[in-house]
Amino acid sequence: MAKPAKKVFVSGSKSISALNLEFLQHLSRAIQEGFEILVGDCYGVDAAVQKHLADINYPNVTVYCSGKKPRNFFLEKGNIYSCIDLSKNLTGRDFQYVKDIEMSKDCDYGIALWDSKSIGTGKNIKRLHALGKKIIVCIVTEKDNHSIV
């Protein structure tokens, strides 16, 4: 019986719209190993990751959303996982965190591209750590923006 593909939760700050080299190296390693990429539907890193995966035509992707359908979906191939039943009656950040909580539970490990300020990405890092899962954190500061590709 075939072993199921590992899953990596990719997250990051809304303030970052391009992926840096360090982050891309970690993402490329997961892709080379055939991991399923779990990513959210937000702008910023989520959208940049979706666009990158679409550009390289990587099909093993699931976009998680808290609503009925994703706010952003840039893939020709890929799956959508709606957490609408779990987010019922929630609003604001609580509504959006539902998909992050589910990706944290569903993944084997995480990769984050963080501006060291984003509350949501910070919570994802802490959540994965609390679940005993490995998390690779690539930090981008304002002075590092020149290294963004």
N, C-alpha and C. Protein backbone atom coordinates (compact mmCIF):
# COMPACT_ATOMS: atom_id res chain seq x y z
N MET A 1 0.84 -1.18 0.00
CA MET A 1 0.00 0.00 0.00
C MET A 1 0.89 1.25 0.00
N ALA A 2 0.57 2.19 -0.87
CA ALA A 2 1.37 3.41 -1.01
C ALA A 2 1.20 4.31 0.21
N LYS A 3 2.30 4.87 0.65
CA LYS A 3 2.29 5.80 1.77
C LYS A 3 1.76 7.14 1.27
N PRO A 4 0.81 7.77 2.01
CA PRO A 4 0.28 9.06 1.54
C PRO A 4 1.38 10.13 1.53
N ALA A 5 1.25 11.05 0.58
CA ALA A 5 2.22 12.14 0.45
C ALA A 5 2.19 12.99 1.71
N LYS A 6 3.35 13.46 2.09
CA LYS A 6 3.42 14.37 3.22
C LYS A 6 2.80 15.70 2.82
N LYS A 7 2.39 16.44 3.84
CA LYS A 7 1.74 17.73 3.61
C LYS A 7 2.51 18.83 4.33
N VAL A 8 2.71 19.94 3.62
CA VAL A 8 3.39 21.09 4.21
C VAL A 8 2.45 22.30 4.18
N PHE A 9 2.30 22.93 5.33
CA PHE A 9 1.49 24.14 5.48
C PHE A 9 2.39 25.33 5.20
N VAL A 10 2.09 26.07 4.14
CA VAL A 10 2.87 27.23 3.74
C VAL A 10 2.08 28.48 4.13
N SER A 11 2.71 29.34 4.92
CA SER A 11 2.00 30.55 5.35
C SER A 11 2.95 31.74 5.34
N GLY A 12 2.38 32.91 5.53
CA GLY A 12 3.21 34.10 5.57
C GLY A 12 2.41 35.37 5.75
N SER A 13 3.14 36.42 5.87
CA SER A 13 2.56 37.74 6.15
C SER A 13 1.85 38.33 4.95
N LYS A 14 0.77 39.05 5.23
CA LYS A 14 0.03 39.75 4.18
C LYS A 14 0.85 40.89 3.58
N SER A 15 1.81 41.39 4.35
CA SER A 15 2.62 42.53 3.89
C SER A 15 3.68 42.13 2.86
N ILE A 16 3.90 40.84 2.68
CA ILE A 16 4.93 40.35 1.76
C ILE A 16 4.25 39.83 0.50
N SER A 17 4.56 40.43 -0.63
CA SER A 17 3.90 40.03 -1.88
C SER A 17 4.81 39.26 -2.83
N ALA A 18 6.07 39.05 -2.43
CA ALA A 18 7.00 38.29 -3.26
C ALA A 18 7.78 37.34 -2.36
N LEU A 19 8.25 36.26 -2.93
CA LEU A 19 8.91 35.21 -2.16
C LEU A 19 10.42 35.35 -2.24
N ASN A 20 11.11 35.27 -1.10
CA ASN A 20 12.57 35.41 -1.14
C ASN A 20 13.24 34.08 -1.44
N LEU A 21 14.52 34.13 -1.70
CA LEU A 21 15.27 32.96 -2.14
C LEU A 21 15.28 31.85 -1.09
N GLU A 22 15.50 32.19 0.17
CA GLU A 22 15.52 31.18 1.23
C GLU A 22 14.18 30.42 1.28
N PHE A 23 13.10 31.17 1.27
CA PHE A 23 11.76 30.56 1.30
C PHE A 23 11.55 29.66 0.08
N LEU A 24 11.92 30.17 -1.10
CA LEU A 24 11.75 29.38 -2.33
C LEU A 24 12.56 28.09 -2.31
N GLN A 25 13.72 28.11 -1.67
CA GLN A 25 14.52 26.90 -1.57
C GLN A 25 13.81 25.84 -0.73
N HIS A 26 13.22 26.26 0.38
CA HIS A 26 12.48 25.31 1.22
C HIS A 26 11.23 24.79 0.50
N LEU A 27 10.53 25.69 -0.18
CA LEU A 27 9.34 25.29 -0.93
C LEU A 27 9.73 24.33 -2.06
N SER A 28 10.82 24.62 -2.75
CA SER A 28 11.28 23.75 -3.85
C SER A 28 11.63 22.36 -3.36
N ARG A 29 12.21 22.26 -2.19
CA ARG A 29 12.54 20.96 -1.61
C ARG A 29 11.26 20.14 -1.38
N ALA A 30 10.23 20.78 -0.86
CA ALA A 30 8.96 20.10 -0.63
C ALA A 30 8.34 19.65 -1.95
N ILE A 31 8.43 20.49 -2.95
CA ILE A 31 7.90 20.17 -4.28
C ILE A 31 8.65 19.00 -4.89
N GLN A 32 9.97 19.02 -4.80
CA GLN A 32 10.78 17.92 -5.34
C GLN A 32 10.44 16.59 -4.71
N GLU A 33 10.03 16.63 -3.44
CA GLU A 33 9.67 15.39 -2.74
C GLU A 33 8.20 15.04 -2.93
N GLY A 34 7.47 15.84 -3.71
CA GLY A 34 6.08 15.53 -4.03
C GLY A 34 5.09 15.82 -2.92
N PHE A 35 5.48 16.67 -1.98
CA PHE A 35 4.58 16.99 -0.87
C PHE A 35 3.33 17.70 -1.38
N GLU A 36 2.23 17.49 -0.69
CA GLU A 36 1.04 18.29 -0.94
C GLU A 36 1.24 19.63 -0.25
N ILE A 37 1.03 20.72 -0.98
CA ILE A 37 1.19 22.07 -0.46
C ILE A 37 -0.18 22.55 0.03
N LEU A 38 -0.26 22.89 1.31
CA LEU A 38 -1.48 23.47 1.88
C LEU A 38 -1.23 24.96 2.03
N VAL A 39 -2.10 25.77 1.43
CA VAL A 39 -1.91 27.22 1.44
C VAL A 39 -3.27 27.89 1.60
N GLY A 40 -3.27 29.07 2.19
CA GLY A 40 -4.50 29.81 2.38
C GLY A 40 -4.90 30.62 1.17
N ASP A 41 -5.94 31.41 1.33
CA ASP A 41 -6.53 32.17 0.22
C ASP A 41 -6.36 33.68 0.37
N CYS A 42 -5.46 34.09 1.25
CA CYS A 42 -5.26 35.52 1.49
C CYS A 42 -4.35 36.13 0.42
N TYR A 43 -4.25 37.45 0.44
CA TYR A 43 -3.28 38.13 -0.40
C TYR A 43 -1.93 38.03 0.30
N GLY A 44 -0.89 38.64 -0.21
CA GLY A 44 0.43 38.55 0.38
C GLY A 44 1.09 37.23 0.02
N VAL A 45 1.68 36.57 1.01
CA VAL A 45 2.41 35.33 0.76
C VAL A 45 1.51 34.25 0.19
N ASP A 46 0.28 34.10 0.70
CA ASP A 46 -0.62 33.07 0.17
C ASP A 46 -0.79 33.22 -1.35
N ALA A 47 -1.10 34.43 -1.78
CA ALA A 47 -1.31 34.67 -3.22
C ALA A 47 -0.01 34.45 -4.00
N ALA A 48 1.13 34.90 -3.46
CA ALA A 48 2.41 34.73 -4.15
C ALA A 48 2.76 33.25 -4.30
N VAL A 49 2.49 32.46 -3.26
CA VAL A 49 2.75 31.01 -3.33
C VAL A 49 1.84 30.38 -4.38
N GLN A 50 0.57 30.72 -4.35
CA GLN A 50 -0.36 30.17 -5.36
C GLN A 50 0.12 30.50 -6.77
N LYS A 51 0.52 31.75 -6.99
CA LYS A 51 0.97 32.16 -8.33
C LYS A 51 2.25 31.42 -8.73
N HIS A 52 3.15 31.24 -7.79
CA HIS A 52 4.39 30.50 -8.07
C HIS A 52 4.07 29.05 -8.45
N LEU A 53 3.19 28.42 -7.69
CA LEU A 53 2.81 27.03 -7.97
C LEU A 53 2.09 26.91 -9.31
N ALA A 54 1.30 27.92 -9.66
CA ALA A 54 0.63 27.94 -10.96
C ALA A 54 1.67 28.10 -12.08
N ASP A 55 2.65 28.97 -11.87
CA ASP A 55 3.70 29.21 -12.88
C ASP A 55 4.50 27.95 -13.19
N ILE A 56 4.73 27.12 -12.16
CA ILE A 56 5.51 25.90 -12.37
C ILE A 56 4.60 24.70 -12.62
N ASN A 57 3.29 24.96 -12.67
CA ASN A 57 2.29 23.93 -12.97
C ASN A 57 2.32 22.77 -11.97
N TYR A 58 2.48 23.10 -10.69
CA TYR A 58 2.51 22.07 -9.65
C TYR A 58 1.08 21.74 -9.25
N PRO A 59 0.66 20.48 -9.41
CA PRO A 59 -0.74 20.14 -9.20
C PRO A 59 -1.13 19.74 -7.78
N ASN A 60 -0.16 19.38 -6.94
CA ASN A 60 -0.46 18.82 -5.63
C ASN A 60 -0.62 19.92 -4.58
N VAL A 61 -1.68 20.70 -4.76
CA VAL A 61 -1.92 21.89 -3.94
C VAL A 61 -3.36 21.88 -3.46
N THR A 62 -3.55 22.24 -2.19
CA THR A 62 -4.89 22.45 -1.67
C THR A 62 -4.95 23.85 -1.06
N VAL A 63 -5.90 24.65 -1.55
CA VAL A 63 -6.12 26.01 -1.03
C VAL A 63 -7.25 25.92 0.00
N TYR A 64 -6.94 26.29 1.23
CA TYR A 64 -7.92 26.30 2.32
C TYR A 64 -8.57 27.67 2.39
N CYS A 65 -9.86 27.66 2.66
CA CYS A 65 -10.58 28.92 2.85
C CYS A 65 -11.59 28.76 3.97
N SER A 66 -11.93 29.86 4.62
CA SER A 66 -12.91 29.82 5.70
C SER A 66 -14.32 30.00 5.18
N GLY A 67 -14.45 30.55 3.99
CA GLY A 67 -15.77 30.76 3.39
C GLY A 67 -16.13 29.62 2.45
N LYS A 68 -17.16 29.86 1.66
CA LYS A 68 -17.63 28.86 0.71
C LYS A 68 -16.63 28.64 -0.40
N LYS A 69 -15.99 29.73 -0.84
CA LYS A 69 -14.98 29.63 -1.89
C LYS A 69 -13.82 30.56 -1.55
N PRO A 70 -12.63 30.30 -2.11
CA PRO A 70 -11.46 31.12 -1.78
C PRO A 70 -11.60 32.56 -2.24
N ARG A 71 -11.02 33.47 -1.46
CA ARG A 71 -10.95 34.88 -1.87
C ARG A 71 -10.00 35.01 -3.05
N ASN A 72 -8.93 34.24 -3.04
CA ASN A 72 -7.94 34.22 -4.12
C ASN A 72 -7.69 32.77 -4.51
N PHE A 73 -7.72 32.50 -5.80
CA PHE A 73 -7.41 31.16 -6.32
C PHE A 73 -6.78 31.35 -7.68
N PHE A 74 -5.47 31.15 -7.77
CA PHE A 74 -4.72 31.43 -8.98
C PHE A 74 -4.25 30.16 -9.71
N LEU A 75 -4.79 29.03 -9.33
CA LEU A 75 -4.32 27.75 -9.85
C LEU A 75 -5.24 27.19 -10.92
N GLU A 76 -4.66 26.59 -11.94
CA GLU A 76 -5.48 25.84 -12.90
C GLU A 76 -5.75 24.46 -12.35
N LYS A 77 -4.73 23.92 -11.69
CA LYS A 77 -4.85 22.62 -11.03
C LYS A 77 -4.78 22.89 -9.54
N GLY A 78 -5.41 22.04 -8.79
CA GLY A 78 -5.38 22.22 -7.34
C GLY A 78 -6.76 22.00 -6.77
N ASN A 79 -6.78 21.80 -5.49
CA ASN A 79 -8.03 21.52 -4.78
C ASN A 79 -8.39 22.70 -3.89
N ILE A 80 -9.66 22.74 -3.54
CA ILE A 80 -10.16 23.74 -2.60
C ILE A 80 -10.73 23.00 -1.40
N TYR A 81 -10.36 23.44 -0.21
CA TYR A 81 -10.89 22.87 1.02
C TYR A 81 -11.58 23.99 1.79
N SER A 82 -12.90 23.94 1.83
CA SER A 82 -13.68 24.95 2.52
C SER A 82 -13.92 24.54 3.97
N CYS A 83 -13.67 25.46 4.88
CA CYS A 83 -13.89 25.24 6.31
C CYS A 83 -15.16 25.96 6.76
N ILE A 84 -16.10 26.13 5.84
CA ILE A 84 -17.29 26.95 6.13
C ILE A 84 -18.11 26.41 7.31
N ASP A 85 -18.18 25.11 7.46
CA ASP A 85 -18.95 24.57 8.59
C ASP A 85 -18.31 24.91 9.93
N LEU A 86 -16.98 24.94 9.96
CA LEU A 86 -16.26 25.26 11.19
C LEU A 86 -16.25 26.75 11.49
N SER A 87 -16.38 27.57 10.46
CA SER A 87 -16.31 29.03 10.64
C SER A 87 -17.68 29.68 10.81
N LYS A 88 -18.72 28.86 10.80
CA LYS A 88 -20.09 29.38 10.94
C LYS A 88 -20.20 30.24 12.20
N ASN A 89 -20.82 31.38 12.07
CA ASN A 89 -21.08 32.33 13.16
C ASN A 89 -19.82 33.06 13.65
N LEU A 90 -18.71 32.91 12.98
CA LEU A 90 -17.49 33.64 13.36
C LEU A 90 -17.30 34.83 12.43
N THR A 91 -16.59 35.84 12.91
CA THR A 91 -16.31 37.02 12.09
C THR A 91 -14.85 37.43 12.27
N GLY A 92 -14.39 38.33 11.40
CA GLY A 92 -13.07 38.92 11.52
C GLY A 92 -11.95 37.90 11.53
N ARG A 93 -10.97 38.15 12.40
CA ARG A 93 -9.81 37.25 12.49
C ARG A 93 -10.21 35.84 12.89
N ASP A 94 -11.16 35.72 13.81
CA ASP A 94 -11.60 34.38 14.24
C ASP A 94 -12.09 33.57 13.04
N PHE A 95 -12.80 34.23 12.13
CA PHE A 95 -13.29 33.57 10.92
C PHE A 95 -12.12 33.09 10.06
N GLN A 96 -11.11 33.96 9.86
CA GLN A 96 -9.98 33.60 9.01
C GLN A 96 -9.05 32.58 9.66
N TYR A 97 -8.95 32.59 10.99
CA TYR A 97 -8.05 31.65 11.67
C TYR A 97 -8.50 30.20 11.55
N VAL A 98 -9.78 29.98 11.27
CA VAL A 98 -10.29 28.61 11.16
C VAL A 98 -9.49 27.81 10.14
N LYS A 99 -9.25 28.38 8.97
CA LYS A 99 -8.50 27.66 7.92
C LYS A 99 -7.07 27.41 8.36
N ASP A 100 -6.47 28.36 9.08
CA ASP A 100 -5.10 28.19 9.57
C ASP A 100 -5.02 27.06 10.60
N ILE A 101 -6.00 27.00 11.46
CA ILE A 101 -6.05 25.92 12.47
C ILE A 101 -6.16 24.57 11.77
N GLU A 102 -7.00 24.48 10.76
CA GLU A 102 -7.17 23.22 10.04
C GLU A 102 -5.92 22.81 9.28
N MET A 103 -5.25 23.78 8.63
CA MET A 103 -4.00 23.46 7.94
C MET A 103 -2.93 23.01 8.93
N SER A 104 -2.90 23.62 10.11
CA SER A 104 -1.94 23.21 11.15
C SER A 104 -2.18 21.77 11.57
N LYS A 105 -3.42 21.39 11.72
CA LYS A 105 -3.75 20.01 12.10
C LYS A 105 -3.43 19.03 10.98
N ASP A 106 -3.69 19.43 9.74
CA ASP A 106 -3.59 18.52 8.60
C ASP A 106 -2.17 18.32 8.09
N CYS A 107 -1.25 19.22 8.41
CA CYS A 107 0.10 19.16 7.83
C CYS A 107 1.05 18.29 8.63
N ASP A 108 2.16 17.96 7.99
CA ASP A 108 3.25 17.27 8.67
C ASP A 108 4.27 18.27 9.21
N TYR A 109 4.44 19.39 8.50
CA TYR A 109 5.32 20.47 8.96
C TYR A 109 4.94 21.75 8.25
N GLY A 110 5.57 22.86 8.62
CA GLY A 110 5.23 24.15 8.03
C GLY A 110 6.44 24.93 7.57
N ILE A 111 6.18 25.84 6.63
CA ILE A 111 7.17 26.82 6.17
C ILE A 111 6.48 28.18 6.23
N ALA A 112 7.12 29.14 6.88
CA ALA A 112 6.52 30.47 7.00
C ALA A 112 7.50 31.54 6.51
N LEU A 113 6.96 32.51 5.79
CA LEU A 113 7.70 33.70 5.39
C LEU A 113 7.08 34.85 6.18
N TRP A 114 7.83 35.34 7.18
CA TRP A 114 7.26 36.23 8.19
C TRP A 114 7.97 37.56 8.24
N ASP A 115 7.19 38.63 8.37
CA ASP A 115 7.75 39.97 8.52
C ASP A 115 8.06 40.28 9.99
N SER A 116 7.92 39.31 10.86
CA SER A 116 8.11 39.37 12.31
C SER A 116 7.09 40.29 13.01
N LYS A 117 6.06 40.71 12.28
CA LYS A 117 5.01 41.56 12.85
C LYS A 117 3.63 40.93 12.72
N SER A 118 3.41 40.18 11.66
CA SER A 118 2.10 39.63 11.35
C SER A 118 1.59 38.75 12.49
N ILE A 119 0.43 39.10 13.02
CA ILE A 119 -0.17 38.35 14.13
C ILE A 119 -0.57 36.94 13.67
N GLY A 120 -1.19 36.85 12.49
CA GLY A 120 -1.65 35.55 12.00
C GLY A 120 -0.52 34.57 11.77
N THR A 121 0.55 35.02 11.12
CA THR A 121 1.70 34.14 10.87
C THR A 121 2.36 33.77 12.19
N GLY A 122 2.46 34.71 13.10
CA GLY A 122 3.00 34.42 14.43
C GLY A 122 2.20 33.35 15.14
N LYS A 123 0.87 33.43 15.04
CA LYS A 123 0.01 32.40 15.66
C LYS A 123 0.21 31.05 14.99
N ASN A 124 0.39 31.04 13.67
CA ASN A 124 0.63 29.77 12.96
C ASN A 124 1.92 29.12 13.45
N ILE A 125 2.96 29.92 13.61
CA ILE A 125 4.25 29.41 14.08
C ILE A 125 4.09 28.80 15.47
N LYS A 126 3.44 29.52 16.38
CA LYS A 126 3.22 29.04 17.75
C LYS A 126 2.34 27.80 17.76
N ARG A 127 1.31 27.78 16.93
CA ARG A 127 0.38 26.64 16.88
C ARG A 127 1.11 25.38 16.42
N LEU A 128 1.89 25.48 15.36
CA LEU A 128 2.63 24.31 14.87
C LEU A 128 3.61 23.83 15.93
N HIS A 129 4.28 24.75 16.59
CA HIS A 129 5.20 24.38 17.66
C HIS A 129 4.45 23.65 18.78
N ALA A 130 3.29 24.18 19.18
CA ALA A 130 2.50 23.56 20.24
C ALA A 130 2.02 22.16 19.84
N LEU A 131 1.80 21.95 18.54
CA LEU A 131 1.38 20.64 18.06
C LEU A 131 2.56 19.68 17.88
N GLY A 132 3.76 20.16 18.18
CA GLY A 132 4.95 19.33 18.06
C GLY A 132 5.42 19.13 16.63
N LYS A 133 5.03 20.05 15.75
CA LYS A 133 5.40 19.95 14.33
C LYS A 133 6.54 20.92 14.01
N LYS A 134 7.41 20.48 13.13
CA LYS A 134 8.54 21.32 12.71
C LYS A 134 8.00 22.49 11.88
N ILE A 135 8.60 23.65 12.11
CA ILE A 135 8.24 24.84 11.33
C ILE A 135 9.53 25.55 10.94
N ILE A 136 9.68 25.80 9.65
CA ILE A 136 10.82 26.55 9.13
C ILE A 136 10.34 27.99 8.96
N VAL A 137 11.01 28.93 9.61
CA VAL A 137 10.60 30.33 9.56
C VAL A 137 11.68 31.14 8.84
N CYS A 138 11.28 31.77 7.75
CA CYS A 138 12.14 32.68 7.00
C CYS A 138 11.66 34.09 7.31
N ILE A 139 12.53 34.91 7.89
CA ILE A 139 12.13 36.25 8.31
C ILE A 139 12.61 37.28 7.29
N VAL A 140 11.69 38.15 6.92
CA VAL A 140 11.99 39.25 6.00
C VAL A 140 11.74 40.55 6.78
N THR A 141 12.76 41.41 6.81
CA THR A 141 12.60 42.71 7.46
C THR A 141 12.55 43.77 6.36
N GLU A 142 12.21 44.96 6.75
CA GLU A 142 12.13 46.06 5.76
C GLU A 142 13.46 46.26 5.06
N LYS A 143 14.57 46.13 5.77
CA LYS A 143 15.88 46.32 5.14
C LYS A 143 16.23 45.15 4.22
N ASP A 144 15.56 44.01 4.38
CA ASP A 144 15.81 42.84 3.54
C ASP A 144 14.99 42.85 2.26
N ASN A 145 14.11 43.80 2.10
CA ASN A 145 13.22 43.78 0.94
C ASN A 145 13.95 43.77 -0.39
N HIS A 146 15.18 44.21 -0.41
CA HIS A 146 15.96 44.20 -1.65
C HIS A 146 16.24 42.76 -2.11
N SER A 147 16.17 41.79 -1.17
CA SER A 147 16.47 40.40 -1.51
C SER A 147 15.24 39.64 -2.00
N ILE A 148 14.10 40.29 -2.04
CA ILE A 148 12.88 39.66 -2.50
C ILE A 148 12.94 39.48 -4.01
N VAL A 149 12.57 38.28 -4.47
CA VAL A 149 12.57 38.00 -5.92
C VAL A 149 11.15 37.77 -6.39
